[in-house]
Amino acid sequence: MDIVSSQAEIKKLMRFFEHPKAGTWQRVELDIKRNRMGWGTLYLKDGNGKPLANQEIKVKQLTHDFKFGCNAFKLKDFECQEKNDAYEMYFKRVFNEAVVPFLWDTLEPVENQPRFGADSPRVERRPPVDVMLDWCEENQIAPKGHWLFCDNFAPAWLSKDSREVMHRLEKRIALLGERYGTRIRKWDVLNETFTYHPRHNPGINDASVPADYAYMVFKMAEKYFPVSNEFIYNDGEFISFGAFAHDSSPMFLFADRLLRRGVKLDGLGMQFHMYGNSPEVHSAPENRNYFDPVHLLNVMDQLGKLNMPLHISEISLTTYPDLPRELAEEVQAQLLYNLYRVWFSQRNCASIVYWNMCDKTAFGSESRFDACLIDADFKEKPSYRMLDRLVNKEWHTETTIVTNADGEAEWNGFYGEYLLDIAGCHHKVAMTPRSENEYTLVL
């Protein structure tokens, strides 16, 4: 594709971001302030209870309450230690949530021999669970379990009798609940019921399931996991964003039906894998809504009527192979910037998860699209730098406040943990949308 054609296709792809419906970006910026920021109040007193006036307080945000995640499928999985170290460094800089793989075929390739421990046989993109959890806990990164059950990726030894499948699945869920129910609080309980139905994807080993298996799987999770765990239904980009028909949208109807049947459904995972060789693919009429902020917000507003968290659960933004490489990387970064702002602003959105961090490490043929943030030589792409800018600069609060005559001071900032520096004395406080965020400190 020549440069003139490239520029024309990019312009067509970006048209809704650059010229959206009037008021769209104003809504996004306002909602970021309204939904992702709060007010904190400090009261400073001396040992006798007297207010301390004119005290300067340096306020620095340490962490985000909002979850910015990525799958950690390549953690400690490279043959070169230098790459392993770089992977961890890049991960920790921008992500506070890690997706941990529990895909049945690779977690238990041999029946009754699950790959939990560090001494487990190596499987590409599937680090042992215990190794990943130890690393998450050491680095204060929240783990997310992916998944308890999916129609596909069934182990080869699994029976083709649906009753036997559900019996064996219950044993699996009971084991995972007992072993990890208190270490992992957030789970994709059911994955891609629509997207990867066996009839549509015969190439991925499928499981025989009864018609009502979705309800049954959630009920098994309720039985074997602590009530405090968050249970999510996760599905593909077409079901999440493409097949939108307001109250008649498949994702909305599916979730609503489960809720009406008394299922503990705590959130919806909405994938956003955008693979393609050129912008022309994604600017076509059947795909353009994925790149229209008004459409994306309408979809999430509709699902928000279910009053549960929404998770942008798997993001892949292509580095278009048909474009000059440098230009393709800049387009990827600009798409990330626009999409993350839209999602971060929406009231019900609780997390945004980029799917693969490093080029050439994706699933199967998906690697050819280089839809990652770090290139194959382990150098930052513009998309990684853009995410770093958003998470650690634009959506980050550092300020200085001074107490008034009553020893009171306030600040407005993004939700998260804060370090307060008062004359060299340090205190940590949390600012969340779930509390009053008022603190009394005695100096």
Foldseek 3Di string as FASTA:
>chain_A
DDPVVQVVLLCLLQVQVVDNDPPLVVLLVVLLQVQFKDKFKEFEAAPVRATDFFFKKWKFFDDFQFFEAEEPLCAVPDPDVVVNVLSVVLHLLFGQEYEAEPQACQQPLDPPDGQADQPRDDDASHHHNVVVLVVSVVSNHAYEYEALDEQFSHHPPQDQDAVSNLVVSLVSLLVCQVPCQVSHQHHAQYEACPNPPCVVCVPTHGHHHDPPVVLVSLVSNVVRHDPRGAYEHEHEQCLQQQQDDQCPRPVNVVVVVSVVVPGRHAEYEHEAEDDDQGSNVQSPPSRSLSNNLVSVLSSVVSSCVVVHAYEHHEYFQFLRNVDDNLVSLVSLQVSLLSVCSSQSSHNRYRYYYYYDAEAPRDPDPSSVRRRHQAYPVRHGGSNSVSSSCVRPPVQTDIDMWTAHSSNMTMDMHGFHKMWMATPNDIDIDGGDPVDPNYYYDYD
